[in-house]
Amino acid sequence: MYTLYGSRGSGSSIAEAALERCGLAYRQVRASTWEADSAIEELRRINPLGQIPTLVLPDGSVMSESAAILIHLGLEHPAGGLLPADASVRAQTLRGLVFIAANCYSAISQSDYPERYTTETGEAAHEAVRQGARRLLHRHWEIFADTFAGRPYLGGEAPGALDIMAAIVSKWSGTRKHLAEHRPEFLALLQRIETHPTLQPVLARHFDAA
C-alpha cells in the first residue's frame, strides 16, 4: 500500500494519476502548507520541505519530486504504461519530464511566491518578479511544444508519464491562455490528454471544469 500526501488542485494530482494508471492501491493524506487544518506537520516529519506530492512506498521509504515519482512508478510497474517500452522514445520521455520539472515547475514557484526571490518587500517588486517568471514560464512551454510531439500522445498510443505531467503543470500561471494564442495545436493535445478515460476521473477530482 502506498501513502500519498497531497491536496486538491496541487501537484499531488500527478502522482495520483500515475498510481491510478498503474492500478496500485494507495491511501491519501490531505496535507499542504496552505491548509492549516491538514496533516502538514506529519508531512514535514518525513519531508522537511513540506512538498507535495510526497509518496511513501510500500517498504516505508519516502519519495518526493513529481518527475522522480513518475519515473520510479514507471520502472517498477512497466505494465502501467507510464514509460514507453522503446528505448529511444523512453529517453525523450525522461528528457521531457526533467524539462518540465527543471524549467516550468521552478518558474511556477517564482510566480506563486515572488517574495522568496527578491530582497525587496514592496508589492510592485513582487509583481515584477511574478510577471518575469510567467514570461519565462510561457517561453519554456513554447519550447516544449516545439520539441515534443504527440504520437498521438506524448507517450505514444496512450497517455503516459509525460502526458500526465504536461497536462497538469500546464494548468497553472496562465499557461493555457498563452498556449491558446501561441501554440493552439499543443493546447489541443493537452485537452485530448486530460479527457482520456484513464486520466479524466483523477483530473475531475482535482480541477474544476474550464
N, C-alpha and C. Protein backbone atom coordinates (compact mmCIF):
# COMPACT_ATOMS: atom_id res chain seq x y z
N MET A 1 0.84 -1.20 0.00
CA MET A 1 0.00 0.00 0.00
C MET A 1 0.88 1.25 0.00
N TYR A 2 0.63 2.14 -0.94
CA TYR A 2 1.32 3.43 -1.00
C TYR A 2 0.54 4.45 -0.16
N THR A 3 1.22 5.47 0.33
CA THR A 3 0.59 6.59 1.00
C THR A 3 0.98 7.87 0.28
N LEU A 4 -0.02 8.61 -0.17
CA LEU A 4 0.22 9.84 -0.94
C LEU A 4 -0.23 11.05 -0.13
N TYR A 5 0.70 11.94 0.12
CA TYR A 5 0.39 13.21 0.77
C TYR A 5 0.16 14.28 -0.30
N GLY A 6 -0.97 14.98 -0.19
CA GLY A 6 -1.27 16.00 -1.18
C GLY A 6 -2.55 16.72 -0.89
N SER A 7 -3.00 17.50 -1.87
CA SER A 7 -4.20 18.30 -1.70
C SER A 7 -4.84 18.53 -3.06
N ARG A 8 -6.13 18.83 -3.05
CA ARG A 8 -6.86 19.04 -4.30
C ARG A 8 -6.26 20.20 -5.09
N GLY A 9 -6.13 19.98 -6.40
CA GLY A 9 -5.65 21.02 -7.29
C GLY A 9 -4.16 21.25 -7.25
N SER A 10 -3.43 20.41 -6.56
CA SER A 10 -1.98 20.58 -6.41
C SER A 10 -1.24 19.57 -7.28
N GLY A 11 0.09 19.61 -7.16
CA GLY A 11 0.91 18.68 -7.91
C GLY A 11 0.75 17.24 -7.49
N SER A 12 0.12 16.99 -6.35
CA SER A 12 -0.11 15.61 -5.95
C SER A 12 -1.04 14.89 -6.92
N SER A 13 -1.79 15.65 -7.71
CA SER A 13 -2.63 15.02 -8.73
C SER A 13 -1.79 14.26 -9.74
N ILE A 14 -0.55 14.67 -9.94
CA ILE A 14 0.35 13.97 -10.86
C ILE A 14 0.61 12.56 -10.36
N ALA A 15 1.01 12.45 -9.10
CA ALA A 15 1.29 11.13 -8.53
C ALA A 15 0.02 10.30 -8.43
N GLU A 16 -1.09 10.94 -8.10
CA GLU A 16 -2.36 10.22 -8.01
C GLU A 16 -2.75 9.61 -9.36
N ALA A 17 -2.59 10.40 -10.42
CA ALA A 17 -2.91 9.89 -11.76
C ALA A 17 -2.01 8.72 -12.14
N ALA A 18 -0.74 8.80 -11.74
CA ALA A 18 0.19 7.71 -12.05
C ALA A 18 -0.16 6.44 -11.28
N LEU A 19 -0.51 6.59 -10.01
CA LEU A 19 -0.92 5.42 -9.22
C LEU A 19 -2.16 4.77 -9.81
N GLU A 20 -3.11 5.60 -10.21
CA GLU A 20 -4.32 5.06 -10.84
C GLU A 20 -3.99 4.37 -12.16
N ARG A 21 -3.12 4.99 -12.94
CA ARG A 21 -2.74 4.42 -14.25
C ARG A 21 -2.13 3.04 -14.09
N CYS A 22 -1.39 2.85 -12.99
CA CYS A 22 -0.73 1.56 -12.75
C CYS A 22 -1.62 0.59 -11.97
N GLY A 23 -2.80 1.03 -11.56
CA GLY A 23 -3.71 0.16 -10.82
C GLY A 23 -3.21 -0.19 -9.44
N LEU A 24 -2.54 0.75 -8.77
CA LEU A 24 -1.93 0.48 -7.47
C LEU A 24 -2.82 0.95 -6.32
N ALA A 25 -2.82 0.19 -5.24
CA ALA A 25 -3.58 0.58 -4.06
C ALA A 25 -2.82 1.66 -3.29
N TYR A 26 -3.54 2.67 -2.83
CA TYR A 26 -2.90 3.75 -2.08
C TYR A 26 -3.94 4.40 -1.18
N ARG A 27 -3.43 5.05 -0.13
CA ARG A 27 -4.30 5.88 0.70
C ARG A 27 -3.81 7.31 0.60
N GLN A 28 -4.72 8.24 0.76
CA GLN A 28 -4.38 9.65 0.64
C GLN A 28 -4.42 10.33 1.99
N VAL A 29 -3.49 11.23 2.20
CA VAL A 29 -3.45 12.06 3.40
C VAL A 29 -3.44 13.51 2.93
N ARG A 30 -4.47 14.26 3.32
CA ARG A 30 -4.54 15.67 2.90
C ARG A 30 -3.51 16.47 3.68
N ALA A 31 -2.60 17.09 2.95
CA ALA A 31 -1.55 17.88 3.59
C ALA A 31 -1.05 18.92 2.61
N SER A 32 -0.93 20.15 3.08
CA SER A 32 -0.33 21.21 2.27
C SER A 32 0.04 22.37 3.19
N THR A 33 0.99 23.16 2.77
CA THR A 33 1.44 24.29 3.57
C THR A 33 0.39 25.38 3.67
N TRP A 34 -0.60 25.39 2.76
CA TRP A 34 -1.63 26.43 2.77
C TRP A 34 -2.93 25.99 3.44
N GLU A 35 -2.94 24.79 4.02
CA GLU A 35 -4.12 24.30 4.73
C GLU A 35 -3.72 24.01 6.18
N ALA A 36 -4.02 24.95 7.06
CA ALA A 36 -3.59 24.82 8.45
C ALA A 36 -4.19 23.61 9.14
N ASP A 37 -5.37 23.17 8.70
CA ASP A 37 -6.03 22.04 9.35
C ASP A 37 -5.65 20.71 8.73
N SER A 38 -4.65 20.72 7.84
CA SER A 38 -4.22 19.47 7.20
C SER A 38 -3.10 18.82 8.00
N ALA A 39 -2.63 17.68 7.51
CA ALA A 39 -1.58 16.92 8.21
C ALA A 39 -0.20 17.44 7.83
N ILE A 40 -0.03 18.76 7.83
CA ILE A 40 1.23 19.33 7.36
C ILE A 40 2.40 18.97 8.27
N GLU A 41 2.18 18.90 9.58
CA GLU A 41 3.29 18.54 10.48
C GLU A 41 3.68 17.08 10.29
N GLU A 42 2.70 16.24 10.06
CA GLU A 42 3.00 14.83 9.76
C GLU A 42 3.83 14.73 8.49
N LEU A 43 3.47 15.53 7.49
CA LEU A 43 4.21 15.54 6.24
C LEU A 43 5.64 16.03 6.46
N ARG A 44 5.80 17.10 7.23
CA ARG A 44 7.13 17.66 7.45
C ARG A 44 8.06 16.69 8.18
N ARG A 45 7.48 15.77 8.93
CA ARG A 45 8.32 14.81 9.63
C ARG A 45 9.00 13.86 8.65
N ILE A 46 8.39 13.63 7.51
CA ILE A 46 9.01 12.74 6.52
C ILE A 46 9.60 13.50 5.34
N ASN A 47 9.17 14.75 5.15
CA ASN A 47 9.72 15.61 4.10
C ASN A 47 9.81 17.02 4.68
N PRO A 48 10.97 17.41 5.19
CA PRO A 48 11.10 18.71 5.87
C PRO A 48 10.69 19.91 5.02
N LEU A 49 10.72 19.77 3.70
CA LEU A 49 10.30 20.87 2.83
C LEU A 49 8.78 21.01 2.78
N GLY A 50 8.06 20.00 3.24
CA GLY A 50 6.61 20.05 3.20
C GLY A 50 6.05 20.03 1.80
N GLN A 51 6.78 19.47 0.87
CA GLN A 51 6.36 19.45 -0.53
C GLN A 51 5.32 18.37 -0.79
N ILE A 52 4.43 18.69 -1.72
CA ILE A 52 3.53 17.67 -2.25
C ILE A 52 3.65 17.67 -3.77
N PRO A 53 3.62 16.46 -4.34
CA PRO A 53 3.37 15.17 -3.68
C PRO A 53 4.58 14.65 -2.92
N THR A 54 4.29 13.99 -1.84
CA THR A 54 5.26 13.11 -1.17
C THR A 54 4.61 11.74 -1.11
N LEU A 55 5.36 10.74 -1.52
CA LEU A 55 4.83 9.39 -1.63
C LEU A 55 5.64 8.45 -0.75
N VAL A 56 4.95 7.76 0.15
CA VAL A 56 5.59 6.73 0.98
C VAL A 56 5.37 5.39 0.28
N LEU A 57 6.47 4.73 -0.04
CA LEU A 57 6.41 3.47 -0.76
C LEU A 57 6.02 2.32 0.17
N PRO A 58 5.62 1.18 -0.39
CA PRO A 58 5.23 0.05 0.47
C PRO A 58 6.31 -0.39 1.44
N ASP A 59 7.59 -0.16 1.10
CA ASP A 59 8.66 -0.55 2.02
C ASP A 59 8.94 0.50 3.09
N GLY A 60 8.17 1.59 3.09
CA GLY A 60 8.33 2.63 4.09
C GLY A 60 9.25 3.76 3.69
N SER A 61 9.95 3.62 2.57
CA SER A 61 10.83 4.69 2.13
C SER A 61 10.01 5.83 1.51
N VAL A 62 10.60 7.00 1.44
CA VAL A 62 9.88 8.21 1.04
C VAL A 62 10.41 8.75 -0.28
N MET A 63 9.49 9.14 -1.14
CA MET A 63 9.86 9.78 -2.40
C MET A 63 9.16 11.13 -2.49
N SER A 64 9.88 12.10 -3.03
CA SER A 64 9.28 13.38 -3.40
C SER A 64 9.71 13.68 -4.83
N GLU A 65 9.34 14.84 -5.34
CA GLU A 65 9.64 15.29 -6.70
C GLU A 65 8.79 14.51 -7.71
N SER A 66 7.88 15.21 -8.34
CA SER A 66 6.91 14.58 -9.22
C SER A 66 7.55 13.75 -10.32
N ALA A 67 8.57 14.30 -10.98
CA ALA A 67 9.22 13.58 -12.07
C ALA A 67 9.85 12.29 -11.57
N ALA A 68 10.50 12.35 -10.40
CA ALA A 68 11.14 11.15 -9.85
C ALA A 68 10.09 10.09 -9.51
N ILE A 69 8.95 10.52 -8.96
CA ILE A 69 7.88 9.58 -8.64
C ILE A 69 7.36 8.90 -9.91
N LEU A 70 7.15 9.68 -10.96
CA LEU A 70 6.67 9.11 -12.21
C LEU A 70 7.66 8.11 -12.79
N ILE A 71 8.94 8.45 -12.76
CA ILE A 71 9.96 7.55 -13.30
C ILE A 71 10.02 6.27 -12.47
N HIS A 72 10.01 6.41 -11.15
CA HIS A 72 10.07 5.23 -10.29
C HIS A 72 8.89 4.30 -10.55
N LEU A 73 7.68 4.85 -10.57
CA LEU A 73 6.50 4.01 -10.79
C LEU A 73 6.52 3.38 -12.17
N GLY A 74 7.02 4.14 -13.15
CA GLY A 74 7.10 3.59 -14.50
C GLY A 74 8.07 2.43 -14.60
N LEU A 75 9.17 2.52 -13.89
CA LEU A 75 10.16 1.43 -13.91
C LEU A 75 9.70 0.24 -13.07
N GLU A 76 9.06 0.54 -11.95
CA GLU A 76 8.64 -0.52 -11.03
C GLU A 76 7.42 -1.28 -11.55
N HIS A 77 6.57 -0.59 -12.33
CA HIS A 77 5.34 -1.19 -12.81
C HIS A 77 5.19 -0.94 -14.32
N PRO A 78 6.01 -1.59 -15.12
CA PRO A 78 6.03 -1.31 -16.57
C PRO A 78 4.69 -1.57 -17.26
N ALA A 79 3.89 -2.49 -16.73
CA ALA A 79 2.59 -2.78 -17.35
C ALA A 79 1.66 -1.58 -17.30
N GLY A 80 1.93 -0.62 -16.40
CA GLY A 80 1.09 0.56 -16.31
C GLY A 80 1.23 1.52 -17.47
N GLY A 81 2.29 1.37 -18.25
CA GLY A 81 2.46 2.18 -19.45
C GLY A 81 2.88 3.62 -19.20
N LEU A 82 3.45 3.91 -18.03
CA LEU A 82 3.89 5.28 -17.77
C LEU A 82 5.10 5.64 -18.63
N LEU A 83 5.99 4.68 -18.84
CA LEU A 83 7.19 4.90 -19.65
C LEU A 83 7.14 4.04 -20.90
N PRO A 84 7.52 4.58 -22.06
CA PRO A 84 7.49 3.80 -23.29
C PRO A 84 8.47 2.62 -23.23
N ALA A 85 8.12 1.55 -23.91
CA ALA A 85 9.00 0.38 -23.94
C ALA A 85 10.20 0.61 -24.85
N ASP A 86 10.02 1.37 -25.93
CA ASP A 86 11.10 1.66 -26.86
C ASP A 86 12.13 2.57 -26.20
N ALA A 87 13.40 2.18 -26.24
CA ALA A 87 14.45 2.91 -25.52
C ALA A 87 14.60 4.34 -26.02
N SER A 88 14.50 4.54 -27.32
CA SER A 88 14.67 5.88 -27.88
C SER A 88 13.53 6.80 -27.46
N VAL A 89 12.31 6.30 -27.53
CA VAL A 89 11.15 7.09 -27.13
C VAL A 89 11.19 7.34 -25.62
N ARG A 90 11.60 6.33 -24.87
CA ARG A 90 11.70 6.48 -23.41
C ARG A 90 12.71 7.55 -23.04
N ALA A 91 13.81 7.62 -23.76
CA ALA A 91 14.82 8.64 -23.49
C ALA A 91 14.23 10.03 -23.63
N GLN A 92 13.41 10.24 -24.66
CA GLN A 92 12.79 11.55 -24.85
C GLN A 92 11.73 11.83 -23.78
N THR A 93 11.07 10.79 -23.30
CA THR A 93 10.12 10.96 -22.21
C THR A 93 10.84 11.43 -20.95
N LEU A 94 11.97 10.81 -20.64
CA LEU A 94 12.75 11.23 -19.46
C LEU A 94 13.24 12.66 -19.63
N ARG A 95 13.66 12.99 -20.85
CA ARG A 95 14.09 14.36 -21.12
C ARG A 95 12.94 15.34 -20.85
N GLY A 96 11.75 15.00 -21.34
CA GLY A 96 10.60 15.88 -21.17
C GLY A 96 10.20 16.04 -19.71
N LEU A 97 10.24 14.96 -18.94
CA LEU A 97 9.88 15.03 -17.53
C LEU A 97 10.82 15.97 -16.77
N VAL A 98 12.11 15.84 -17.02
CA VAL A 98 13.07 16.69 -16.33
C VAL A 98 12.99 18.12 -16.85
N PHE A 99 12.67 18.30 -18.13
CA PHE A 99 12.49 19.65 -18.68
C PHE A 99 11.38 20.38 -17.92
N ILE A 100 10.25 19.73 -17.75
CA ILE A 100 9.13 20.37 -17.04
C ILE A 100 9.51 20.65 -15.59
N ALA A 101 10.14 19.67 -14.94
CA ALA A 101 10.50 19.85 -13.53
C ALA A 101 11.50 20.98 -13.35
N ALA A 102 12.51 21.03 -14.21
CA ALA A 102 13.59 22.00 -14.03
C ALA A 102 13.21 23.39 -14.49
N ASN A 103 12.41 23.49 -15.54
CA ASN A 103 12.13 24.79 -16.14
C ASN A 103 10.75 25.33 -15.81
N CYS A 104 9.72 24.52 -16.01
CA CYS A 104 8.35 25.01 -15.82
C CYS A 104 7.98 25.06 -14.35
N TYR A 105 8.21 23.99 -13.64
CA TYR A 105 7.84 23.94 -12.22
C TYR A 105 8.56 25.03 -11.43
N SER A 106 9.83 25.23 -11.72
CA SER A 106 10.60 26.23 -10.97
C SER A 106 10.07 27.64 -11.24
N ALA A 107 9.68 27.92 -12.48
CA ALA A 107 9.13 29.24 -12.79
C ALA A 107 7.77 29.45 -12.13
N ILE A 108 6.99 28.39 -12.01
CA ILE A 108 5.70 28.50 -11.32
C ILE A 108 5.91 28.85 -9.85
N SER A 109 6.92 28.26 -9.23
CA SER A 109 7.24 28.58 -7.84
C SER A 109 7.57 30.06 -7.70
N GLN A 110 8.32 30.61 -8.64
CA GLN A 110 8.66 32.04 -8.60
C GLN A 110 7.42 32.90 -8.81
N SER A 111 6.53 32.46 -9.67
CA SER A 111 5.30 33.21 -9.92
C SER A 111 4.38 33.18 -8.70
N ASP A 112 4.30 32.04 -8.05
CA ASP A 112 3.40 31.89 -6.90
C ASP A 112 3.95 32.55 -5.63
N TYR A 113 5.26 32.53 -5.47
CA TYR A 113 5.87 33.04 -4.24
C TYR A 113 7.00 34.03 -4.58
N PRO A 114 6.68 35.14 -5.24
CA PRO A 114 7.73 36.07 -5.68
C PRO A 114 8.54 36.66 -4.54
N GLU A 115 7.94 36.75 -3.35
CA GLU A 115 8.64 37.33 -2.20
C GLU A 115 9.85 36.50 -1.79
N ARG A 116 9.89 35.24 -2.22
CA ARG A 116 11.03 34.39 -1.89
C ARG A 116 12.23 34.66 -2.79
N TYR A 117 12.02 35.39 -3.87
CA TYR A 117 13.06 35.54 -4.89
C TYR A 117 13.56 36.97 -5.03
N THR A 118 13.31 37.79 -4.04
CA THR A 118 13.82 39.15 -4.02
C THR A 118 13.94 39.62 -2.58
N THR A 119 14.88 40.52 -2.35
CA THR A 119 15.00 41.11 -1.03
C THR A 119 14.09 42.33 -0.87
N GLU A 120 13.46 42.75 -1.98
CA GLU A 120 12.52 43.86 -1.92
C GLU A 120 11.23 43.41 -1.22
N THR A 121 10.60 44.33 -0.52
CA THR A 121 9.39 43.99 0.23
C THR A 121 8.12 44.58 -0.35
N GLY A 122 8.24 45.46 -1.32
CA GLY A 122 7.06 46.11 -1.87
C GLY A 122 6.31 45.24 -2.86
N GLU A 123 5.00 45.46 -2.96
CA GLU A 123 4.17 44.68 -3.87
C GLU A 123 4.58 44.90 -5.32
N ALA A 124 5.01 46.11 -5.66
CA ALA A 124 5.43 46.37 -7.04
C ALA A 124 6.62 45.50 -7.43
N ALA A 125 7.57 45.34 -6.52
CA ALA A 125 8.73 44.49 -6.78
C ALA A 125 8.32 43.03 -6.90
N HIS A 126 7.41 42.61 -6.05
CA HIS A 126 6.93 41.23 -6.11
C HIS A 126 6.19 40.96 -7.42
N GLU A 127 5.41 41.92 -7.84
CA GLU A 127 4.67 41.75 -9.10
C GLU A 127 5.63 41.70 -10.28
N ALA A 128 6.72 42.45 -10.22
CA ALA A 128 7.71 42.41 -11.30
C ALA A 128 8.34 41.02 -11.39
N VAL A 129 8.65 40.43 -10.23
CA VAL A 129 9.19 39.07 -10.21
C VAL A 129 8.16 38.10 -10.79
N ARG A 130 6.90 38.26 -10.38
CA ARG A 130 5.84 37.38 -10.84
C ARG A 130 5.70 37.43 -12.36
N GLN A 131 5.66 38.62 -12.90
CA GLN A 131 5.47 38.76 -14.34
C GLN A 131 6.68 38.26 -15.12
N GLY A 132 7.87 38.49 -14.58
CA GLY A 132 9.06 37.96 -15.24
C GLY A 132 9.08 36.45 -15.24
N ALA A 133 8.66 35.85 -14.12
CA ALA A 133 8.61 34.39 -14.03
C ALA A 133 7.60 33.82 -15.01
N ARG A 134 6.46 34.48 -15.14
CA ARG A 134 5.44 33.98 -16.06
C ARG A 134 5.88 34.10 -17.51
N ARG A 135 6.57 35.18 -17.83
CA ARG A 135 7.08 35.32 -19.20
C ARG A 135 8.06 34.20 -19.51
N LEU A 136 8.95 33.90 -18.56
CA LEU A 136 9.90 32.81 -18.74
C LEU A 136 9.19 31.47 -18.83
N LEU A 137 8.21 31.25 -17.96
CA LEU A 137 7.44 30.01 -17.96
C LEU A 137 6.78 29.77 -19.31
N HIS A 138 6.13 30.79 -19.82
CA HIS A 138 5.41 30.63 -21.08
C HIS A 138 6.36 30.38 -22.25
N ARG A 139 7.53 30.99 -22.20
CA ARG A 139 8.54 30.70 -23.23
C ARG A 139 9.00 29.25 -23.13
N HIS A 140 9.17 28.76 -21.93
CA HIS A 140 9.57 27.36 -21.76
C HIS A 140 8.52 26.42 -22.34
N TRP A 141 7.24 26.74 -22.16
CA TRP A 141 6.21 25.89 -22.73
C TRP A 141 6.18 25.97 -24.25
N GLU A 142 6.51 27.11 -24.81
CA GLU A 142 6.62 27.20 -26.27
C GLU A 142 7.72 26.26 -26.77
N ILE A 143 8.85 26.28 -26.07
CA ILE A 143 9.95 25.40 -26.46
C ILE A 143 9.54 23.94 -26.31
N PHE A 144 8.87 23.62 -25.22
CA PHE A 144 8.41 22.24 -25.02
C PHE A 144 7.48 21.82 -26.17
N ALA A 145 6.54 22.68 -26.51
CA ALA A 145 5.58 22.36 -27.57
C ALA A 145 6.29 22.14 -28.90
N ASP A 146 7.34 22.89 -29.16
CA ASP A 146 8.08 22.75 -30.42
C ASP A 146 9.00 21.54 -30.43
N THR A 147 9.30 21.00 -29.25
CA THR A 147 10.27 19.91 -29.14
C THR A 147 9.61 18.54 -29.04
N PHE A 148 8.48 18.47 -28.35
CA PHE A 148 7.85 17.17 -28.07
C PHE A 148 6.50 17.10 -28.79
N ALA A 149 6.36 16.06 -29.62
CA ALA A 149 5.15 15.91 -30.42
C ALA A 149 4.30 14.75 -29.91
N GLY A 150 2.99 14.85 -30.11
CA GLY A 150 2.09 13.77 -29.76
C GLY A 150 2.09 12.70 -30.84
N ARG A 151 2.01 11.42 -30.43
CA ARG A 151 2.10 10.31 -31.39
C ARG A 151 1.04 9.24 -31.16
N PRO A 152 -0.21 9.43 -30.95
CA PRO A 152 -0.90 10.72 -30.88
C PRO A 152 -0.77 11.41 -29.52
N TYR A 153 -0.19 10.69 -28.53
CA TYR A 153 0.07 11.28 -27.23
C TYR A 153 1.57 11.41 -27.04
N LEU A 154 1.99 12.14 -26.03
CA LEU A 154 3.41 12.31 -25.78
C LEU A 154 4.07 10.98 -25.43
N GLY A 155 3.29 10.06 -24.86
CA GLY A 155 3.82 8.76 -24.51
C GLY A 155 3.62 7.70 -25.58
N GLY A 156 3.03 8.06 -26.70
CA GLY A 156 2.79 7.10 -27.77
C GLY A 156 1.31 6.92 -28.03
N GLU A 157 0.85 5.68 -28.03
CA GLU A 157 -0.54 5.39 -28.36
C GLU A 157 -1.51 5.69 -27.23
N ALA A 158 -1.00 5.81 -26.02
CA ALA A 158 -1.84 6.12 -24.86
C ALA A 158 -1.08 7.09 -23.95
N PRO A 159 -1.78 7.87 -23.15
CA PRO A 159 -1.10 8.81 -22.26
C PRO A 159 -0.22 8.09 -21.25
N GLY A 160 0.98 8.64 -21.05
CA GLY A 160 1.91 8.09 -20.07
C GLY A 160 2.37 9.17 -19.11
N ALA A 161 3.54 8.96 -18.54
CA ALA A 161 4.05 9.87 -17.51
C ALA A 161 4.19 11.30 -18.01
N LEU A 162 4.75 11.47 -19.21
CA LEU A 162 4.96 12.82 -19.73
C LEU A 162 3.64 13.52 -20.02
N ASP A 163 2.66 12.78 -20.49
CA ASP A 163 1.33 13.35 -20.72
C ASP A 163 0.72 13.84 -19.41
N ILE A 164 0.82 13.03 -18.38
CA ILE A 164 0.27 13.40 -17.08
C ILE A 164 0.89 14.69 -16.58
N MET A 165 2.21 14.76 -16.62
CA MET A 165 2.89 15.93 -16.06
C MET A 165 2.60 17.17 -16.90
N ALA A 166 2.63 17.04 -18.21
CA ALA A 166 2.37 18.20 -19.08
C ALA A 166 0.95 18.71 -18.91
N ALA A 167 -0.02 17.81 -18.87
CA ALA A 167 -1.42 18.22 -18.78
C ALA A 167 -1.70 18.95 -17.47
N ILE A 168 -1.07 18.53 -16.38
CA ILE A 168 -1.36 19.12 -15.08
C ILE A 168 -0.55 20.39 -14.84
N VAL A 169 0.73 20.36 -15.09
CA VAL A 169 1.56 21.54 -14.82
C VAL A 169 1.17 22.71 -15.72
N SER A 170 0.66 22.42 -16.91
CA SER A 170 0.26 23.49 -17.83
C SER A 170 -1.03 24.19 -17.39
N LYS A 171 -1.67 23.71 -16.35
CA LYS A 171 -2.90 24.34 -15.87
C LYS A 171 -2.65 25.61 -15.05
N TRP A 172 -1.42 25.86 -14.67
CA TRP A 172 -1.13 26.92 -13.72
C TRP A 172 -0.47 28.14 -14.37
N SER A 173 -0.60 29.27 -13.71
CA SER A 173 0.12 30.51 -14.04
C SER A 173 -0.15 31.02 -15.45
N GLY A 174 -1.39 30.86 -15.89
CA GLY A 174 -1.79 31.44 -17.17
C GLY A 174 -1.26 30.73 -18.40
N THR A 175 -0.72 29.52 -18.24
CA THR A 175 -0.10 28.83 -19.37
C THR A 175 -1.11 28.47 -20.45
N ARG A 176 -2.26 27.95 -20.07
CA ARG A 176 -3.23 27.52 -21.08
C ARG A 176 -3.68 28.70 -21.94
N LYS A 177 -3.92 29.85 -21.32
CA LYS A 177 -4.32 31.04 -22.07
C LYS A 177 -3.24 31.45 -23.06
N HIS A 178 -1.99 31.38 -22.63
CA HIS A 178 -0.88 31.73 -23.51
C HIS A 178 -0.79 30.75 -24.68
N LEU A 179 -0.93 29.47 -24.39
CA LEU A 179 -0.84 28.46 -25.44
C LEU A 179 -1.98 28.59 -26.44
N ALA A 180 -3.14 29.00 -25.97
CA ALA A 180 -4.28 29.17 -26.89
C ALA A 180 -3.94 30.17 -27.98
N GLU A 181 -3.15 31.15 -27.65
CA GLU A 181 -2.78 32.18 -28.63
C GLU A 181 -1.54 31.81 -29.43
N HIS A 182 -0.57 31.17 -28.77
CA HIS A 182 0.74 30.98 -29.40
C HIS A 182 1.03 29.55 -29.85
N ARG A 183 0.40 28.54 -29.24
CA ARG A 183 0.62 27.15 -29.64
C ARG A 183 -0.71 26.40 -29.55
N PRO A 184 -1.70 26.78 -30.37
CA PRO A 184 -3.04 26.18 -30.24
C PRO A 184 -3.07 24.68 -30.50
N GLU A 185 -2.21 24.18 -31.38
CA GLU A 185 -2.21 22.74 -31.65
C GLU A 185 -1.72 21.97 -30.42
N PHE A 186 -0.76 22.52 -29.71
CA PHE A 186 -0.28 21.87 -28.50
C PHE A 186 -1.34 21.92 -27.41
N LEU A 187 -2.05 23.02 -27.32
CA LEU A 187 -3.15 23.11 -26.35
C LEU A 187 -4.20 22.04 -26.65
N ALA A 188 -4.49 21.82 -27.92
CA ALA A 188 -5.46 20.78 -28.29
C ALA A 188 -4.97 19.40 -27.84
N LEU A 189 -3.67 19.17 -27.92
CA LEU A 189 -3.10 17.91 -27.44
C LEU A 189 -3.30 17.78 -25.93
N LEU A 190 -3.03 18.84 -25.19
CA LEU A 190 -3.22 18.80 -23.74
C LEU A 190 -4.68 18.51 -23.38
N GLN A 191 -5.59 19.10 -24.11
CA GLN A 191 -7.01 18.87 -23.85
C GLN A 191 -7.40 17.44 -24.20
N ARG A 192 -6.78 16.88 -25.22
CA ARG A 192 -7.04 15.48 -25.57
C ARG A 192 -6.51 14.56 -24.48
N ILE A 193 -5.35 14.90 -23.93
CA ILE A 193 -4.77 14.09 -22.86
C ILE A 193 -5.70 14.07 -21.65
N GLU A 194 -6.15 15.24 -21.21
CA GLU A 194 -6.90 15.31 -19.96
C GLU A 194 -8.30 14.73 -20.05
N THR A 195 -8.80 14.53 -21.26
CA THR A 195 -10.12 13.90 -21.41
C THR A 195 -10.03 12.40 -21.70
N HIS A 196 -8.81 11.86 -21.75
CA HIS A 196 -8.65 10.42 -21.97
C HIS A 196 -9.25 9.68 -20.77
N PRO A 197 -9.96 8.60 -21.00
CA PRO A 197 -10.64 7.91 -19.89
C PRO A 197 -9.73 7.40 -18.79
N THR A 198 -8.44 7.22 -19.05
CA THR A 198 -7.54 6.77 -18.00
C THR A 198 -7.12 7.90 -17.07
N LEU A 199 -7.31 9.15 -17.49
CA LEU A 199 -6.87 10.29 -16.69
C LEU A 199 -8.02 11.19 -16.25
N GLN A 200 -9.09 11.23 -17.01
CA GLN A 200 -10.16 12.18 -16.75
C GLN A 200 -10.74 12.09 -15.34
N PRO A 201 -10.95 10.90 -14.77
CA PRO A 201 -11.54 10.86 -13.42
C PRO A 201 -10.66 11.54 -12.36
N VAL A 202 -9.35 11.36 -12.43
CA VAL A 202 -8.47 12.00 -11.46
C VAL A 202 -8.48 13.50 -11.64
N LEU A 203 -8.39 13.96 -12.89
CA LEU A 203 -8.36 15.40 -13.14
C LEU A 203 -9.68 16.05 -12.72
N ALA A 204 -10.78 15.34 -12.90
CA ALA A 204 -12.08 15.89 -12.49
C ALA A 204 -12.17 16.05 -10.98
N ARG A 205 -11.50 15.18 -10.24
CA ARG A 205 -11.48 15.30 -8.77
C ARG A 205 -10.67 16.49 -8.31
N HIS A 206 -9.69 16.88 -9.10
CA HIS A 206 -8.74 17.90 -8.66
C HIS A 206 -9.01 19.30 -9.23
N PHE A 207 -9.59 19.36 -10.43
CA PHE A 207 -9.70 20.65 -11.10
C PHE A 207 -11.15 20.89 -11.57
N ASP A 208 -11.61 22.11 -11.38
CA ASP A 208 -12.90 22.48 -11.88
C ASP A 208 -12.88 22.53 -13.40
N ALA A 209 -14.00 22.27 -14.02
CA ALA A 209 -14.08 22.31 -15.48
C ALA A 209 -13.77 23.72 -15.97
N ALA A 210 -13.02 23.78 -17.07
CA ALA A 210 -12.63 25.08 -17.63
C ALA A 210 -13.85 25.80 -18.19
